[in-house]
């Protein structure tokens, strides 16, 4: 797919790309260290924002894990 404006939106990304080690619990964003521990990365104003932040972090991790470089 060739993009005219170089913008990727959520509809272009498959749901499994939002899965990863970051997750939302209540209004917190947590990272699973895979050793039985988790660390809190952030507290948000509500659970929906926390879920969106966790999904965005997972997407970023998955994109970088695939070797795709991101523009700054």
Protein backbone atom coordinates (compact mmCIF):
# COMPACT_ATOMS: atom_id res chain seq x y z
CA UNK A 1 0.00 0.00 0.00
CA UNK A 2 1.38 3.40 -0.97
CA UNK A 3 0.43 6.31 1.23
CA UNK A 4 0.13 9.78 -0.23
CA UNK A 5 0.46 11.53 3.13
CA UNK A 6 2.67 9.07 5.10
CA UNK A 7 0.12 8.86 7.92
CA UNK A 8 -0.88 5.53 9.43
CA UNK A 9 -4.14 5.40 11.36
CA UNK A 10 -5.56 2.82 13.78
CA UNK A 11 -7.77 1.21 11.11
CA UNK A 12 -4.64 0.26 9.13
CA UNK A 13 -3.14 -1.72 12.02
CA UNK A 14 -4.34 -5.19 13.01
CA UNK A 15 -5.59 -5.81 16.56
CA UNK A 16 -2.78 -8.21 17.53
CA UNK A 17 -0.28 -5.39 17.07
CA UNK A 18 -1.75 -3.75 20.19
CA UNK A 19 -0.93 -6.78 22.38
CA UNK A 20 2.25 -6.83 24.43
CA UNK A 21 3.81 -6.48 27.85
CA UNK A 22 2.13 -3.15 28.67
CA UNK A 23 -1.37 -3.32 30.10
CA UNK A 24 -3.96 -1.16 31.82
CA UNK A 25 -5.25 -1.92 35.31
CA UNK A 26 -7.89 0.53 36.52
CA UNK A 27 -6.40 3.91 35.65
CA UNK A 28 -2.76 2.77 35.72
CA UNK A 29 -0.46 1.68 32.91
CA UNK A 30 1.69 -1.27 33.92
CA UNK A 31 4.62 -3.17 32.39
CA UNK A 32 4.88 -6.93 32.96
CA UNK A 33 8.53 -7.76 33.71
CA UNK A 34 7.83 -11.47 33.00
CA UNK A 35 9.36 -12.56 36.31
CA UNK A 36 6.20 -12.27 38.36
CA UNK A 37 6.61 -8.54 38.91
CA UNK A 38 5.06 -5.55 37.23
CA UNK A 39 6.01 -1.90 37.39
CA UNK A 40 3.68 1.06 37.11
CA UNK A 41 4.60 3.34 34.22
CA UNK A 42 1.88 5.98 34.59
CA UNK A 43 -1.41 6.91 36.18
CA UNK A 44 -4.08 8.35 33.91
CA UNK A 45 -7.27 10.30 34.49
CA UNK A 46 -9.47 7.28 33.64
CA UNK A 47 -9.30 3.63 32.59
CA UNK A 48 -9.97 4.39 28.93
CA UNK A 49 -6.95 6.67 28.68
CA UNK A 50 -4.82 4.06 30.45
CA UNK A 51 -5.94 1.41 27.95
CA UNK A 52 -5.10 3.70 25.01
CA UNK A 53 -1.64 4.47 26.43
CA UNK A 54 -0.91 0.76 27.01
CA UNK A 55 -1.99 -0.06 23.44
CA UNK A 56 0.16 2.74 22.04
CA UNK A 57 3.22 1.55 23.97
CA UNK A 58 2.67 -2.02 22.77
CA UNK A 59 2.28 -0.83 19.19
CA UNK A 60 5.50 1.17 19.45
CA UNK A 61 7.36 -1.83 20.91
CA UNK A 62 6.02 -4.10 18.15
CA UNK A 63 6.93 -1.66 15.38
CA UNK A 64 10.46 -1.21 16.72
CA UNK A 65 10.75 -4.98 17.25
CA UNK A 66 10.00 -5.49 13.55
CA UNK A 67 12.97 -3.28 12.69
CA UNK A 68 10.94 -0.34 11.43
CA UNK A 69 12.55 3.01 12.12
CA UNK A 70 10.30 5.85 13.16
CA UNK A 71 10.63 9.47 12.11
CA UNK A 72 11.30 11.95 14.89
